[in-house]
């Protein structure tokens, strides 16, 4: 993800990549999607990614997406 793009654009690009992987038969768990999404954002988003990664015992992809969207709105 490059600086200057909006969060929804990044999430859509990420979801497209996940869909492409699934379409060729690769199994991706919800945890894998969460961890990959947390790593997908640039350095400027590291503080949120660290908080989400450390505070949750069971990551939920929709919750991670919502957290990024809410942070961007803030």
PDB file of N, CA and C in Angstrom:
ATOM      1  N   UNK A   1       0.841  -1.177   0.000  1.00  0.00           N
ATOM      2  CA  UNK A   1       0.000   0.000   0.000  1.00  0.00           C
ATOM      3  C   UNK A   1       0.881   1.233   0.000  1.00  0.00           C
ATOM      4  N   UNK A   2       0.579   2.164  -0.852  1.00  0.00           N
ATOM      5  CA  UNK A   2       1.329   3.409  -0.933  1.00  0.00           C
ATOM      6  C   UNK A   2       0.660   4.487  -0.101  1.00  0.00           C
ATOM      7  N   UNK A   3       1.467   5.427   0.365  1.00  0.00           N
ATOM      8  CA  UNK A   3       0.938   6.571   1.085  1.00  0.00           C
ATOM      9  C   UNK A   3       0.049   7.368   0.137  1.00  0.00           C
ATOM     10  N   UNK A   4      -0.958   8.035   0.675  1.00  0.00           N
ATOM     11  CA  UNK A   4      -1.787   8.903  -0.126  1.00  0.00           C
ATOM     12  C   UNK A   4      -3.072   8.278  -0.638  1.00  0.00           C
ATOM     13  N   UNK A   5      -3.199   6.970  -0.535  1.00  0.00           N
ATOM     14  CA  UNK A   5      -4.430   6.309  -0.945  1.00  0.00           C
ATOM     15  C   UNK A   5      -5.384   6.249   0.233  1.00  0.00           C
ATOM     16  N   UNK A   6      -6.641   6.147  -0.065  1.00  0.00           N
ATOM     17  CA  UNK A   6      -7.639   6.046   0.988  1.00  0.00           C
ATOM     18  C   UNK A   6      -7.787   4.590   1.426  1.00  0.00           C
ATOM     19  N   UNK A   7      -8.175   4.411   2.663  1.00  0.00           N
ATOM     20  CA  UNK A   7      -8.312   3.075   3.243  1.00  0.00           C
ATOM     21  C   UNK A   7      -9.254   2.192   2.423  1.00  0.00           C
ATOM     22  N   UNK A   8     -10.441   2.659   2.011  1.00  0.00           N
ATOM     23  CA  UNK A   8     -11.315   1.776   1.228  1.00  0.00           C
ATOM     24  C   UNK A   8     -10.655   1.262  -0.056  1.00  0.00           C
ATOM     25  N   UNK A   9      -9.835   2.099  -0.690  1.00  0.00           N
ATOM     26  CA  UNK A   9      -9.134   1.661  -1.897  1.00  0.00           C
ATOM     27  C   UNK A   9      -8.180   0.513  -1.579  1.00  0.00           C
ATOM     28  N   UNK A  10      -7.479   0.624  -0.460  1.00  0.00           N
ATOM     29  CA  UNK A  10      -6.539  -0.427  -0.058  1.00  0.00           C
ATOM     30  C   UNK A  10      -7.265  -1.716   0.312  1.00  0.00           C
ATOM     31  N   UNK A  11      -8.361  -1.560   1.012  1.00  0.00           N
ATOM     32  CA  UNK A  11      -9.123  -2.742   1.414  1.00  0.00           C
ATOM     33  C   UNK A  11      -9.704  -3.433   0.185  1.00  0.00           C
ATOM     34  N   UNK A  12     -10.189  -2.660  -0.779  1.00  0.00           N
ATOM     35  CA  UNK A  12     -10.712  -3.252  -2.018  1.00  0.00           C
ATOM     36  C   UNK A  12      -9.615  -3.979  -2.782  1.00  0.00           C
ATOM     37  N   UNK A  13      -8.431  -3.383  -2.870  1.00  0.00           N
ATOM     38  CA  UNK A  13      -7.307  -4.034  -3.559  1.00  0.00           C
ATOM     39  C   UNK A  13      -6.915  -5.317  -2.837  1.00  0.00           C
ATOM     40  N   UNK A  14      -6.875  -5.256  -1.517  1.00  0.00           N
ATOM     41  CA  UNK A  14      -6.540  -6.440  -0.722  1.00  0.00           C
ATOM     42  C   UNK A  14      -7.581  -7.536  -0.927  1.00  0.00           C
ATOM     43  N   UNK A  15      -8.855  -7.173  -0.877  1.00  0.00           N
ATOM     44  CA  UNK A  15      -9.933  -8.151  -1.061  1.00  0.00           C
ATOM     45  C   UNK A  15      -9.885  -8.780  -2.448  1.00  0.00           C
ATOM     46  N   UNK A  16      -9.511  -7.993  -3.442  1.00  0.00           N
ATOM     47  CA  UNK A  16      -9.365  -8.513  -4.800  1.00  0.00           C
ATOM     48  C   UNK A  16      -8.263  -9.570  -4.851  1.00  0.00           C
ATOM     49  N   UNK A  17      -7.139  -9.270  -4.195  1.00  0.00           N
ATOM     50  CA  UNK A  17      -6.041 -10.247  -4.162  1.00  0.00           C
ATOM     51  C   UNK A  17      -6.461 -11.535  -3.455  1.00  0.00           C
ATOM     52  N   UNK A  18      -7.182 -11.397  -2.358  1.00  0.00           N
ATOM     53  CA  UNK A  18      -7.655 -12.568  -1.623  1.00  0.00           C
ATOM     54  C   UNK A  18      -8.605 -13.382  -2.498  1.00  0.00           C
ATOM     55  N   UNK A  19      -9.510 -12.713  -3.183  1.00  0.00           N
ATOM     56  CA  UNK A  19     -10.457 -13.398  -4.066  1.00  0.00           C
ATOM     57  C   UNK A  19      -9.742 -14.145  -5.188  1.00  0.00           C
ATOM     58  N   UNK A  20      -8.703 -13.528  -5.725  1.00  0.00           N
ATOM     59  CA  UNK A  20      -7.935 -14.184  -6.784  1.00  0.00           C
ATOM     60  C   UNK A  20      -7.236 -15.437  -6.258  1.00  0.00           C
ATOM     61  N   UNK A  21      -6.691 -15.357  -5.055  1.00  0.00           N
ATOM     62  CA  UNK A  21      -6.041 -16.529  -4.463  1.00  0.00           C
ATOM     63  C   UNK A  21      -7.050 -17.646  -4.213  1.00  0.00           C
ATOM     64  N   UNK A  22      -8.206 -17.277  -3.709  1.00  0.00           N
ATOM     65  CA  UNK A  22      -9.251 -18.272  -3.442  1.00  0.00           C
ATOM     66  C   UNK A  22      -9.717 -18.912  -4.747  1.00  0.00           C
ATOM     67  N   UNK A  23      -9.793 -18.118  -5.817  1.00  0.00           N
ATOM     68  CA  UNK A  23     -10.279 -18.642  -7.092  1.00  0.00           C
ATOM     69  C   UNK A  23      -9.334 -19.670  -7.711  1.00  0.00           C
ATOM     70  N   UNK A  24      -8.067 -19.646  -7.322  1.00  0.00           N
ATOM     71  CA  UNK A  24      -7.127 -20.649  -7.824  1.00  0.00           C
ATOM     72  C   UNK A  24      -6.918 -21.784  -6.821  1.00  0.00           C
ATOM     73  N   UNK A  25      -7.769 -21.835  -5.798  1.00  0.00           N
ATOM     74  CA  UNK A  25      -7.777 -22.969  -4.899  1.00  0.00           C
ATOM     75  C   UNK A  25      -6.953 -22.833  -3.631  1.00  0.00           C
ATOM     76  N   UNK A  26      -6.477 -21.652  -3.332  1.00  0.00           N
ATOM     77  CA  UNK A  26      -5.693 -21.448  -2.110  1.00  0.00           C
ATOM     78  C   UNK A  26      -6.651 -21.151  -0.964  1.00  0.00           C
ATOM     79  N   UNK A  27      -6.508 -21.880   0.111  1.00  0.00           N
ATOM     80  CA  UNK A  27      -7.344 -21.685   1.285  1.00  0.00           C
ATOM     81  C   UNK A  27      -6.725 -20.598   2.163  1.00  0.00           C
ATOM     82  N   UNK A  28      -7.532 -19.614   2.511  1.00  0.00           N
ATOM     83  CA  UNK A  28      -7.068 -18.507   3.353  1.00  0.00           C
ATOM     84  C   UNK A  28      -8.008 -18.392   4.543  1.00  0.00           C
ATOM     85  N   UNK A  29      -7.464 -18.564   5.725  1.00  0.00           N
ATOM     86  CA  UNK A  29      -8.280 -18.468   6.933  1.00  0.00           C
ATOM     87  C   UNK A  29      -8.527 -17.005   7.275  1.00  0.00           C
ATOM     88  N   UNK A  30      -9.485 -16.769   8.132  1.00  0.00           N
ATOM     89  CA  UNK A  30      -9.794 -15.421   8.579  1.00  0.00           C
ATOM     90  C   UNK A  30      -8.588 -14.805   9.291  1.00  0.00           C
ATOM     91  N   UNK A  31      -7.897 -15.615  10.106  1.00  0.00           N
ATOM     92  CA  UNK A  31      -6.692 -15.135  10.791  1.00  0.00           C
ATOM     93  C   UNK A  31      -5.613 -14.730   9.795  1.00  0.00           C
ATOM     94  N   UNK A  32      -5.432 -15.513   8.744  1.00  0.00           N
ATOM     95  CA  UNK A  32      -4.447 -15.181   7.721  1.00  0.00           C
ATOM     96  C   UNK A  32      -4.791 -13.858   7.037  1.00  0.00           C
ATOM     97  N   UNK A  33      -6.078 -13.667   6.754  1.00  0.00           N
ATOM     98  CA  UNK A  33      -6.500 -12.412   6.131  1.00  0.00           C
ATOM     99  C   UNK A  33      -6.236 -11.233   7.060  1.00  0.00           C
ATOM    100  N   UNK A  34      -6.528 -11.405   8.341  1.00  0.00           N
ATOM    101  CA  UNK A  34      -6.317 -10.325   9.308  1.00  0.00           C
ATOM    102  C   UNK A  34      -4.849  -9.947   9.410  1.00  0.00           C
ATOM    103  N   UNK A  35      -4.004 -10.943   9.579  1.00  0.00           N
ATOM    104  CA  UNK A  35      -2.575 -10.685   9.727  1.00  0.00           C
ATOM    105  C   UNK A  35      -2.016 -10.053   8.459  1.00  0.00           C
ATOM    106  N   UNK A  36      -2.429 -10.565   7.324  1.00  0.00           N
ATOM    107  CA  UNK A  36      -1.955 -10.003   6.051  1.00  0.00           C
ATOM    108  C   UNK A  36      -2.417  -8.565   5.874  1.00  0.00           C
ATOM    109  N   UNK A  37      -3.649  -8.272   6.245  1.00  0.00           N
ATOM    110  CA  UNK A  37      -4.153  -6.914   6.127  1.00  0.00           C
ATOM    111  C   UNK A  37      -3.403  -5.976   7.067  1.00  0.00           C
ATOM    112  N   UNK A  38      -3.118  -6.429   8.271  1.00  0.00           N
ATOM    113  CA  UNK A  38      -2.368  -5.604   9.209  1.00  0.00           C
ATOM    114  C   UNK A  38      -0.979  -5.263   8.664  1.00  0.00           C
ATOM    115  N   UNK A  39      -0.391  -6.177   7.928  1.00  0.00           N
ATOM    116  CA  UNK A  39       0.937  -5.954   7.340  1.00  0.00           C
ATOM    117  C   UNK A  39       0.865  -5.182   6.031  1.00  0.00           C
ATOM    118  N   UNK A  40      -0.291  -5.096   5.430  1.00  0.00           N
ATOM    119  CA  UNK A  40      -0.493  -4.492   4.114  1.00  0.00           C
ATOM    120  C   UNK A  40      -0.419  -2.966   4.156  1.00  0.00           C
ATOM    121  N   UNK A  41      -0.766  -2.395   5.292  1.00  0.00           N
ATOM    122  CA  UNK A  41      -0.792  -0.941   5.405  1.00  0.00           C
ATOM    123  C   UNK A  41       0.617  -0.381   5.601  1.00  0.00           C
ATOM    124  N   UNK A  42       0.845   0.878   5.171  1.00  0.00           N
ATOM    125  CA  UNK A  42       2.192   1.453   5.274  1.00  0.00           C
ATOM    126  C   UNK A  42       2.589   1.745   6.713  1.00  0.00           C
ATOM    127  N   UNK A  43       3.830   2.133   6.860  1.00  0.00           N
ATOM    128  CA  UNK A  43       4.432   2.385   8.165  1.00  0.00           C
ATOM    129  C   UNK A  43       3.614   3.369   9.003  1.00  0.00           C
ATOM    130  N   UNK A  44       3.008   4.349   8.377  1.00  0.00           N
ATOM    131  CA  UNK A  44       2.250   5.362   9.121  1.00  0.00           C
ATOM    132  C   UNK A  44       1.059   4.771   9.875  1.00  0.00           C
ATOM    133  N   UNK A  45       0.661   3.555   9.521  1.00  0.00           N
ATOM    134  CA  UNK A  45      -0.469   2.891  10.181  1.00  0.00           C
ATOM    135  C   UNK A  45      -0.005   1.846  11.196  1.00  0.00           C
ATOM    136  N   UNK A  46       1.286   1.761  11.440  1.00  0.00           N
ATOM    137  CA  UNK A  46       1.817   0.721  12.320  1.00  0.00           C
ATOM    138  C   UNK A  46       1.240   0.752  13.722  1.00  0.00           C
ATOM    139  N   UNK A  47       1.005   1.936  14.268  1.00  0.00           N
ATOM    140  CA  UNK A  47       0.502   1.997  15.646  1.00  0.00           C
ATOM    141  C   UNK A  47      -0.855   1.307  15.760  1.00  0.00           C
ATOM    142  N   UNK A  48      -1.736   1.542  14.806  1.00  0.00           N
ATOM    143  CA  UNK A  48      -3.047   0.870  14.836  1.00  0.00           C
ATOM    144  C   UNK A  48      -2.890  -0.625  14.606  1.00  0.00           C
ATOM    145  N   UNK A  49      -2.045  -0.992  13.666  1.00  0.00           N
ATOM    146  CA  UNK A  49      -1.840  -2.419  13.378  1.00  0.00           C
ATOM    147  C   UNK A  49      -1.288  -3.143  14.606  1.00  0.00           C
ATOM    148  N   UNK A  50      -0.375  -2.513  15.326  1.00  0.00           N
ATOM    149  CA  UNK A  50       0.201  -3.135  16.525  1.00  0.00           C
ATOM    150  C   UNK A  50      -0.848  -3.278  17.608  1.00  0.00           C
ATOM    151  N   UNK A  51      -1.642  -2.247  17.814  1.00  0.00           N
ATOM    152  CA  UNK A  51      -2.698  -2.303  18.833  1.00  0.00           C
ATOM    153  C   UNK A  51      -3.693  -3.409  18.508  1.00  0.00           C
ATOM    154  N   UNK A  52      -4.116  -3.476  17.256  1.00  0.00           N
ATOM    155  CA  UNK A  52      -5.078  -4.511  16.859  1.00  0.00           C
ATOM    156  C   UNK A  52      -4.476  -5.903  17.001  1.00  0.00           C
ATOM    157  N   UNK A  53      -3.241  -6.055  16.581  1.00  0.00           N
ATOM    158  CA  UNK A  53      -2.593  -7.360  16.630  1.00  0.00           C
ATOM    159  C   UNK A  53      -2.316  -7.841  18.037  1.00  0.00           C
ATOM    160  N   UNK A  54      -2.036  -6.919  18.940  1.00  0.00           N
ATOM    161  CA  UNK A  54      -1.681  -7.304  20.314  1.00  0.00           C
ATOM    162  C   UNK A  54      -2.877  -7.407  21.246  1.00  0.00           C
ATOM    163  N   UNK A  55      -3.928  -6.655  20.965  1.00  0.00           N
ATOM    164  CA  UNK A  55      -5.045  -6.605  21.908  1.00  0.00           C
ATOM    165  C   UNK A  55      -6.087  -7.686  21.671  1.00  0.00           C
ATOM    166  N   UNK A  56      -6.101  -8.248  20.507  1.00  0.00           N
ATOM    167  CA  UNK A  56      -7.143  -9.233  20.194  1.00  0.00           C
ATOM    168  C   UNK A  56      -6.605 -10.652  20.332  1.00  0.00           C
ATOM    169  N   UNK A  57      -7.356 -11.489  21.010  1.00  0.00           N
ATOM    170  CA  UNK A  57      -6.967 -12.891  21.106  1.00  0.00           C
ATOM    171  C   UNK A  57      -7.456 -13.660  19.886  1.00  0.00           C
ATOM    172  N   UNK A  58      -8.536 -13.196  19.298  1.00  0.00           N
ATOM    173  CA  UNK A  58      -9.079 -13.821  18.102  1.00  0.00           C
ATOM    174  C   UNK A  58      -9.474 -12.720  17.135  1.00  0.00           C
ATOM    175  N   UNK A  59      -8.652 -12.514  16.108  1.00  0.00           N
ATOM    176  CA  UNK A  59      -8.920 -11.452  15.150  1.00  0.00           C
ATOM    177  C   UNK A  59     -10.076 -11.821  14.233  1.00  0.00           C
ATOM    178  N   UNK A  60     -10.897 -10.846  13.947  1.00  0.00           N
ATOM    179  CA  UNK A  60     -12.005 -11.006  13.020  1.00  0.00           C
ATOM    180  C   UNK A  60     -11.763 -10.028  11.877  1.00  0.00           C
ATOM    181  N   UNK A  61     -11.786 -10.509  10.644  1.00  0.00           N
ATOM    182  CA  UNK A  61     -11.455  -9.674   9.493  1.00  0.00           C
ATOM    183  C   UNK A  61     -12.345  -8.444   9.407  1.00  0.00           C
ATOM    184  N   UNK A  62     -13.633  -8.602   9.610  1.00  0.00           N
ATOM    185  CA  UNK A  62     -14.556  -7.461   9.532  1.00  0.00           C
ATOM    186  C   UNK A  62     -14.246  -6.415  10.595  1.00  0.00           C
ATOM    187  N   UNK A  63     -13.843  -6.859  11.789  1.00  0.00           N
ATOM    188  CA  UNK A  63     -13.485  -5.924  12.856  1.00  0.00           C
ATOM    189  C   UNK A  63     -12.208  -5.158  12.518  1.00  0.00           C
ATOM    190  N   UNK A  64     -11.247  -5.842  11.922  1.00  0.00           N
ATOM    191  CA  UNK A  64     -10.000  -5.179  11.535  1.00  0.00           C
ATOM    192  C   UNK A  64     -10.283  -4.136  10.455  1.00  0.00           C
ATOM    193  N   UNK A  65     -11.085  -4.500   9.466  1.00  0.00           N
ATOM    194  CA  UNK A  65     -11.451  -3.556   8.402  1.00  0.00           C
ATOM    195  C   UNK A  65     -12.169  -2.355   9.005  1.00  0.00           C
ATOM    196  N   UNK A  66     -13.111  -2.613   9.883  1.00  0.00           N
ATOM    197  CA  UNK A  66     -13.860  -1.523  10.520  1.00  0.00           C
ATOM    198  C   UNK A  66     -12.938  -0.603  11.313  1.00  0.00           C
ATOM    199  N   UNK A  67     -11.965  -1.156  11.993  1.00  0.00           N
ATOM    200  CA  UNK A  67     -11.025  -0.352  12.768  1.00  0.00           C
ATOM    201  C   UNK A  67     -10.222   0.583  11.873  1.00  0.00           C
ATOM    202  N   UNK A  68      -9.759   0.078  10.735  1.00  0.00           N
ATOM    203  CA  UNK A  68      -9.024   0.927   9.808  1.00  0.00           C
ATOM    204  C   UNK A  68      -9.915   2.018   9.222  1.00  0.00           C
ATOM    205  N   UNK A  69     -11.141   1.677   8.878  1.00  0.00           N
ATOM    206  CA  UNK A  69     -12.063   2.667   8.321  1.00  0.00           C
ATOM    207  C   UNK A  69     -12.402   3.753   9.357  1.00  0.00           C
ATOM    208  N   UNK A  70     -12.631   3.340  10.590  1.00  0.00           N
ATOM    209  CA  UNK A  70     -12.939   4.313  11.638  1.00  0.00           C
ATOM    210  C   UNK A  70     -11.740   5.210  11.928  1.00  0.00           C
ATOM    211  N   UNK A  71     -10.555   4.639  11.913  1.00  0.00           N
ATOM    212  CA  UNK A  71      -9.353   5.444  12.152  1.00  0.00           C
ATOM    213  C   UNK A  71      -9.163   6.471  11.042  1.00  0.00           C
ATOM    214  N   UNK A  72      -9.434   6.092   9.815  1.00  0.00           N
ATOM    215  CA  UNK A  72      -9.304   7.052   8.728  1.00  0.00           C
ATOM    216  C   UNK A  72     -10.309   8.192   8.879  1.00  0.00           C
ATOM    217  N   UNK A  73     -11.535   7.871   9.292  1.00  0.00           N
ATOM    218  CA  UNK A  73     -12.556   8.907   9.469  1.00  0.00           C
ATOM    219  C   UNK A  73     -12.184   9.861  10.609  1.00  0.00           C
ATOM    220  N   UNK A  74     -11.519   9.291  11.638  1.00  0.00           N
ATOM    221  CA  UNK A  74     -11.127  10.091  12.794  1.00  0.00           C
ATOM    222  C   UNK A  74     -10.097  11.092  12.361  1.00  0.00           C
TER     223      UNK A  74
END
